[in-house]
Protein backbone atom coordinates (compact mmCIF):
# COMPACT_ATOMS: atom_id res chain seq x y z
CA UNK A 1 -6.47 -30.90 59.20
CA UNK A 2 -3.46 -32.03 57.18
CA UNK A 3 -0.93 -29.36 56.23
CA UNK A 4 2.07 -29.61 53.87
CA UNK A 5 4.98 -28.44 56.02
CA UNK A 6 8.42 -27.53 54.65
CA UNK A 7 10.96 -29.87 56.19
CA UNK A 8 14.07 -28.67 54.30
CA UNK A 9 15.38 -26.87 51.22
CA UNK A 10 18.31 -27.54 48.91
CA UNK A 11 20.08 -25.80 46.04
CA UNK A 12 22.63 -26.48 43.33
CA UNK A 13 24.35 -24.16 40.87
CA UNK A 14 26.68 -24.93 37.95
CA UNK A 15 30.39 -24.38 38.54
CA UNK A 16 30.78 -21.78 35.81
CA UNK A 17 29.87 -18.17 36.59
CA UNK A 18 29.25 -15.84 33.65
CA UNK A 19 29.44 -12.17 34.58
CA UNK A 20 27.97 -9.38 32.49
CA UNK A 21 31.47 -8.40 31.37
CA UNK A 22 31.91 -11.95 30.01
CA UNK A 23 28.70 -11.59 28.01
CA UNK A 24 30.00 -8.39 26.47
CA UNK A 25 32.46 -10.57 24.57
CA UNK A 26 29.62 -12.72 23.19
CA UNK A 27 27.02 -10.15 22.10
CA UNK A 28 26.86 -6.36 21.82
CA UNK A 29 26.01 -5.42 25.39
CA UNK A 30 27.57 -4.03 28.57
CA UNK A 31 27.41 -4.53 32.30
CA UNK A 32 25.77 -1.13 32.71
CA UNK A 33 23.09 -1.90 30.07
CA UNK A 34 22.18 -5.26 31.66
CA UNK A 35 22.15 -4.02 35.28
CA UNK A 36 20.08 -0.95 34.44
CA UNK A 37 17.37 -2.92 32.62
CA UNK A 38 17.31 -6.16 34.62
CA UNK A 39 19.29 -5.93 37.85
CA UNK A 40 21.32 -8.99 36.78
CA UNK A 41 25.08 -8.97 37.41
CA UNK A 42 25.95 -12.61 36.79
CA UNK A 43 24.46 -16.04 36.14
CA UNK A 44 25.63 -19.66 36.30
CA UNK A 45 25.98 -21.62 33.05
CA UNK A 46 25.98 -25.43 32.94
CA UNK A 47 29.04 -27.20 31.54
CA UNK A 48 28.70 -30.21 29.24
CA UNK A 49 28.72 -32.61 32.20
CA UNK A 50 26.04 -30.64 34.11
CA UNK A 51 22.41 -31.27 33.18
CA UNK A 52 18.92 -30.61 34.50
CA UNK A 53 19.03 -34.10 36.06
CA UNK A 54 22.45 -33.73 37.70
CA UNK A 55 21.62 -30.29 39.12
CA UNK A 56 18.24 -31.58 40.32
CA UNK A 57 19.95 -34.55 41.93
CA UNK A 58 22.37 -32.28 43.81
CA UNK A 59 19.54 -30.07 45.10
CA UNK A 60 17.55 -33.16 46.09
CA UNK A 61 20.47 -34.66 48.02
CA UNK A 62 21.04 -31.36 49.82
CA UNK A 63 17.40 -31.17 50.94
CA UNK A 64 17.38 -34.83 52.07
CA UNK A 65 20.60 -34.33 54.05
CA UNK A 66 19.23 -31.27 55.84
CA UNK A 67 16.02 -33.14 56.66
CA UNK A 68 17.96 -36.16 57.90
CA UNK A 69 16.00 -38.44 55.56
CA UNK A 70 16.82 -41.22 53.12
CA UNK A 71 15.58 -41.34 49.49
CA UNK A 72 13.11 -44.13 50.27
CA UNK A 73 11.52 -41.96 52.95
CA UNK A 74 9.99 -40.07 50.00
CA UNK A 75 6.69 -40.99 48.37
CA UNK A 76 6.85 -38.65 45.39
CA UNK A 77 9.20 -36.43 43.39
CA UNK A 78 7.76 -33.63 41.27
CA UNK A 79 10.24 -31.89 38.99
CA UNK A 80 9.33 -28.53 37.48
CA UNK A 81 11.33 -27.96 34.31
CA UNK A 82 11.11 -26.74 30.73
CA UNK A 83 14.53 -28.18 29.86
CA UNK A 84 14.30 -31.95 30.52
CA UNK A 85 17.22 -34.26 29.83
CA UNK A 86 15.10 -36.19 27.33
CA UNK A 87 11.74 -35.78 25.62
CA UNK A 88 10.88 -38.86 27.67
CA UNK A 89 11.10 -40.41 30.17
CA UNK A 90 10.45 -37.69 32.73
CA UNK A 91 13.66 -36.25 34.17
CA UNK A 92 12.07 -36.69 37.62
CA UNK A 93 12.36 -40.45 37.10
CA UNK A 94 16.05 -40.08 36.27
CA UNK A 95 16.56 -38.07 39.47
CA UNK A 96 14.66 -40.78 41.35
CA UNK A 97 17.13 -43.36 40.01
CA UNK A 98 20.17 -41.13 40.63
CA UNK A 99 19.41 -40.64 44.33
CA UNK A 100 18.53 -44.31 44.86
CA UNK A 101 14.80 -43.97 45.49
CA UNK A 102 13.25 -47.36 44.66
CA UNK A 103 9.66 -46.79 45.81
CA UNK A 104 6.95 -44.22 45.20
CA UNK A 105 6.56 -42.30 41.95
CA UNK A 106 7.93 -39.31 40.09
CA UNK A 107 6.87 -37.03 37.26
CA UNK A 108 7.73 -33.75 35.53
CA UNK A 109 5.58 -30.63 35.48
CA UNK A 110 5.87 -27.99 32.75
CA UNK A 111 4.63 -24.47 33.42
CA UNK A 112 7.85 -22.65 32.48
CA UNK A 113 8.85 -20.05 35.09
CA UNK A 114 5.69 -20.77 37.12
CA UNK A 115 6.58 -24.46 37.22
CA UNK A 116 7.74 -24.60 40.83
CA UNK A 117 4.67 -22.74 42.10
CA UNK A 118 2.44 -25.13 40.14
CA UNK A 119 4.45 -28.13 41.39
CA UNK A 120 4.42 -27.21 45.09
CA UNK A 121 0.67 -26.60 44.85
CA UNK A 122 0.24 -30.03 43.24
CA UNK A 123 2.37 -31.63 45.95
CA UNK A 124 0.15 -30.02 48.58
CA UNK A 125 -2.91 -31.63 46.99
CA UNK A 126 -1.26 -35.08 47.00
CA UNK A 127 -0.38 -34.66 50.67
CA UNK A 128 -3.76 -33.34 51.76
CA UNK A 129 -5.46 -36.04 49.67
CA UNK A 130 -3.55 -38.74 51.54
CA UNK A 131 -1.64 -40.13 48.53
CA UNK A 132 1.77 -39.01 49.83
CA UNK A 133 3.31 -38.12 53.18
CA UNK A 134 6.63 -36.76 51.93
CA UNK A 135 7.12 -35.04 48.59
CA UNK A 136 10.31 -33.60 47.14
CA UNK A 137 9.49 -30.66 44.85
CA UNK A 138 12.36 -29.64 42.58
CA UNK A 139 12.81 -26.82 40.09
CA UNK A 140 15.77 -27.49 37.80
CA UNK A 141 16.69 -25.81 34.53
CA UNK A 142 19.47 -25.55 31.95
CA UNK A 143 18.04 -22.66 29.93
CA UNK A 144 21.48 -21.96 28.47
CA UNK A 145 20.77 -24.93 26.16
CA UNK A 146 17.80 -23.18 24.50
CA UNK A 147 19.14 -19.62 24.28
CA UNK A 148 20.04 -17.86 21.04
CA UNK A 149 23.41 -16.46 22.03
CA UNK A 150 23.19 -13.91 19.22
CA UNK A 151 20.01 -12.38 20.68
CA UNK A 152 21.06 -9.94 23.38
CA UNK A 153 17.45 -9.30 24.39
CA UNK A 154 17.17 -12.85 25.78
CA UNK A 155 20.61 -14.40 26.31
CA UNK A 156 21.57 -11.85 28.98
CA UNK A 157 18.54 -12.75 31.11
CA UNK A 158 18.77 -16.44 31.86
CA UNK A 159 20.92 -18.81 33.88
CA UNK A 160 20.99 -22.43 35.04
CA UNK A 161 20.44 -24.01 38.46
CA UNK A 162 18.22 -26.10 40.70
CA UNK A 163 16.36 -25.71 43.96
CA UNK A 164 14.38 -28.19 46.03
CA UNK A 165 11.84 -28.15 48.85
CA UNK A 166 10.94 -31.22 50.91
CA UNK A 167 7.31 -31.19 52.08
CA UNK A 168 5.95 -33.42 54.83
CA UNK A 169 2.42 -34.02 56.07
CA UNK A 170 1.68 -32.48 59.46
CA UNK A 171 -1.35 -31.66 61.56
CA UNK A 172 -2.87 -28.20 61.71
CA UNK A 173 -5.87 -26.50 63.25
CA UNK A 174 -7.06 -25.05 59.96
CA UNK A 175 -6.10 -21.46 60.73
CA UNK A 176 -3.42 -18.94 59.78
CA UNK A 177 -1.16 -20.02 62.65
CA UNK A 178 -0.67 -23.48 61.14
CA UNK A 179 2.74 -24.34 59.73
CA UNK A 180 2.69 -25.32 56.07
CA UNK A 181 0.89 -24.24 52.92
CA UNK A 182 -2.06 -21.99 53.77
CA UNK A 183 -3.43 -20.83 50.41
CA UNK A 184 -2.62 -20.78 46.70
CA UNK A 185 -3.88 -19.34 43.44
CA UNK A 186 -2.94 -20.47 39.91
CA UNK A 187 -3.82 -18.98 36.51
CA UNK A 188 -2.97 -19.34 32.83
CA UNK A 189 -4.00 -17.65 29.59
CA UNK A 190 -2.96 -19.27 26.32
CA UNK A 191 -3.74 -16.23 24.17
CA UNK A 192 -0.35 -14.82 25.17
CA UNK A 193 1.64 -17.81 23.88
CA UNK A 194 3.55 -15.87 21.20
CA UNK A 195 4.89 -13.35 23.70
CA UNK A 196 7.22 -15.88 25.36
CA UNK A 197 7.87 -19.28 23.82
CA UNK A 198 10.44 -21.66 22.30
CA UNK A 199 10.30 -21.95 18.51
CA UNK A 200 10.79 -25.71 18.39
CA UNK A 201 9.44 -29.00 19.69
CA UNK A 202 9.06 -32.72 18.85
CA UNK A 203 5.60 -32.34 17.27
CA UNK A 204 6.25 -29.17 15.27
CA UNK A 205 9.85 -28.85 14.12
CA UNK A 206 11.51 -31.96 15.48
CA UNK A 207 14.13 -29.68 17.05
CA UNK A 208 14.75 -28.21 20.48
CA UNK A 209 14.43 -24.62 19.24
CA UNK A 210 15.38 -21.34 20.87
CA UNK A 211 13.67 -19.08 23.37
CA UNK A 212 11.84 -16.10 21.86
CA UNK A 213 10.37 -13.23 23.84
CA UNK A 214 8.56 -9.94 23.33
CA UNK A 215 10.12 -8.30 26.36
CA UNK A 216 7.97 -5.17 26.46
CA UNK A 217 4.77 -7.22 26.20
CA UNK A 218 5.85 -9.54 29.01
CA UNK A 219 6.71 -6.59 31.25
CA UNK A 220 3.39 -4.90 30.42
CA UNK A 221 1.34 -7.87 31.60
CA UNK A 222 3.57 -9.12 34.43
CA UNK A 223 2.80 -6.71 37.26
CA UNK A 224 -0.98 -6.86 36.80
CA UNK A 225 -1.06 -10.64 36.58
CA UNK A 226 1.21 -11.10 39.58
CA UNK A 227 -0.94 -8.71 41.62
CA UNK A 228 -4.08 -10.62 40.60
CA UNK A 229 -3.02 -14.01 42.01
CA UNK A 230 -1.41 -12.54 45.10
CA UNK A 231 -4.53 -10.58 46.02
CA UNK A 232 -6.57 -13.76 45.48
CA UNK A 233 -4.23 -15.65 47.82
CA UNK A 234 -4.41 -12.88 50.41
CA UNK A 235 -8.21 -13.00 50.23
CA UNK A 236 -8.28 -16.77 50.80
CA UNK A 237 -6.07 -16.43 53.87
CA UNK A 238 -7.71 -13.25 55.17
CA UNK A 239 -4.46 -11.27 55.31
CA UNK A 240 -2.84 -8.17 53.83
CA UNK A 241 0.70 -7.41 52.71
CA UNK A 242 1.44 -6.06 56.19
CA UNK A 243 1.05 -9.57 57.64
CA UNK A 244 3.84 -11.01 55.48
CA UNK A 245 7.32 -11.65 56.81
CA UNK A 246 8.88 -12.48 53.44
CA UNK A 247 8.05 -12.16 49.75
CA UNK A 248 9.96 -14.61 47.52
CA UNK A 249 9.13 -13.68 43.90
CA UNK A 250 10.23 -15.23 40.63
CA UNK A 251 13.63 -13.72 39.88
CA UNK A 252 13.10 -12.58 36.29
CA UNK A 253 13.77 -8.87 36.33
CA UNK A 254 14.48 -6.50 39.21
CA UNK A 255 12.16 -3.85 37.77
CA UNK A 256 9.21 -6.28 37.68
CA UNK A 257 9.94 -7.39 41.25
CA UNK A 258 10.15 -3.80 42.53
CA UNK A 259 7.01 -2.68 40.67
CA UNK A 260 5.00 -5.67 41.93
CA UNK A 261 6.07 -5.19 45.54
CA UNK A 262 5.26 -1.48 45.36
CA UNK A 263 1.81 -2.08 43.87
CA UNK A 264 1.00 -4.65 46.57
CA UNK A 265 2.38 -2.52 49.39
CA UNK A 266 5.10 -5.01 50.35
CA UNK A 267 8.03 -3.29 52.06
CA UNK A 268 11.40 -3.51 50.27
CA UNK A 269 13.06 -5.13 53.29
CA UNK A 270 10.67 -8.09 53.04
CA UNK A 271 11.58 -8.94 49.43
CA UNK A 272 14.12 -11.70 48.75
CA UNK A 273 16.33 -10.80 45.76
CA UNK A 274 18.74 -13.20 44.04
CA UNK A 275 18.26 -12.14 40.41
CA UNK A 276 21.53 -10.19 40.57
CA UNK A 277 23.47 -13.42 41.25
CA UNK A 278 21.48 -16.07 39.38
CA UNK A 279 19.63 -14.30 36.57
CA UNK A 280 16.32 -15.85 35.54
CA UNK A 281 16.54 -19.60 36.21
CA UNK A 282 12.90 -20.22 35.27
CA UNK A 283 11.36 -22.99 37.44
CA UNK A 284 14.50 -23.08 39.61
CA UNK A 285 14.19 -19.39 40.43
CA UNK A 286 11.80 -19.47 43.40
CA UNK A 287 13.33 -22.49 45.22
CA UNK A 288 16.84 -21.08 44.71
CA UNK A 289 15.80 -17.75 46.25
CA UNK A 290 13.92 -19.54 49.02
CA UNK A 291 16.91 -21.73 49.84
CA UNK A 292 19.23 -18.71 49.91
CA UNK A 293 16.99 -16.88 52.41
CA UNK A 294 16.73 -19.98 54.61
CA UNK A 295 20.48 -20.62 54.53
CA UNK A 296 21.43 -17.08 55.56
CA UNK A 297 18.91 -17.11 58.42
CA UNK A 298 16.41 -14.61 57.11
CA UNK A 299 13.49 -17.04 56.89
CA UNK A 300 12.82 -18.64 60.28
CA UNK A 301 10.24 -21.05 61.64
CA UNK A 302 6.92 -19.30 62.11
CA UNK A 303 7.49 -16.72 59.36
CA UNK A 304 4.69 -16.09 56.86
CA UNK A 305 6.16 -16.45 53.37
CA UNK A 306 4.65 -15.63 49.97
CA UNK A 307 5.94 -17.28 46.79
CA UNK A 308 5.05 -15.95 43.33
CA UNK A 309 5.95 -16.64 39.71
CA UNK A 310 4.92 -15.86 36.14
CA UNK A 311 6.05 -17.61 32.98
CA UNK A 312 5.42 -18.38 29.34
CA UNK A 313 1.96 -19.43 28.34
CA UNK A 314 1.23 -17.14 30.15
CA UNK A 315 1.11 -19.00 33.45
CA UNK A 316 1.21 -17.37 36.87
CA UNK A 317 0.55 -18.23 40.49
CA UNK A 318 1.16 -17.57 44.17
CA UNK A 319 1.51 -19.72 47.29
CA UNK A 320 1.29 -18.59 50.92
CA UNK A 321 2.90 -20.72 53.62
CA UNK A 322 3.88 -20.60 57.26
CA UNK A 323 7.49 -21.69 57.70
């Protein structure tokens, strides 16, 4: 059978680093307060000349270089983002132009923090359906553009960045030993919209708006929802947490990550953590963490890796793959 195998990863972060002590000069907060509640110590903030497209381009070029491929070796680019450069066209098309890809197709996918998990699952379907052989899946965000910098409950949480994964069609036997994506589970529930949303948009206010969040409500639902899709993914693959080599969760809050891993029985040493360095980068979160663990040698070929994310909507999902 056809499997979607990871050929390479890439990452890009804005030049500017904002530490918690820097934030203390912007809103009433402290390094101790932020670390205790979130585990975040710093985040990267895009400058005026850095955008979702430019960061996505940099991550895309990094993944292509590591794979030893040219832009026109790609059939498709899927960009997961909630902060596009323009209302339209899709920022994926701009990245396509920036890297010099003149064939194939490209589109954006919007599922907030779950965007990358949704996008890599969609890419897998295109590959297994025979419509694409190589797909570049990017998560790129500039959430600093939609933050209310007077709201300490949200502005301390988020950062900017981009991560990319290059998938390629390969042959598998249809079992757990195959390299590539093994199983996935996606969910959404629109009744929770008001718990995490942006209070603007072209069709409602004609403005970009700012991010609004009921933090306690999000935390209350997060662990249960994350556990739900992960257990579904485990069931599809016929595995347990003990079979995992690495857990790469959405980097939103260290307390949510720890509580989810504990509930699922995933050992601490198997959890990839980058939230302390990047903050919550929404759809860029999972590919940034994944790229970091690949670059430092933790994730190796043959490892069984679980990806997970939850975002506004609510949306949530999990993907299991063999590296």
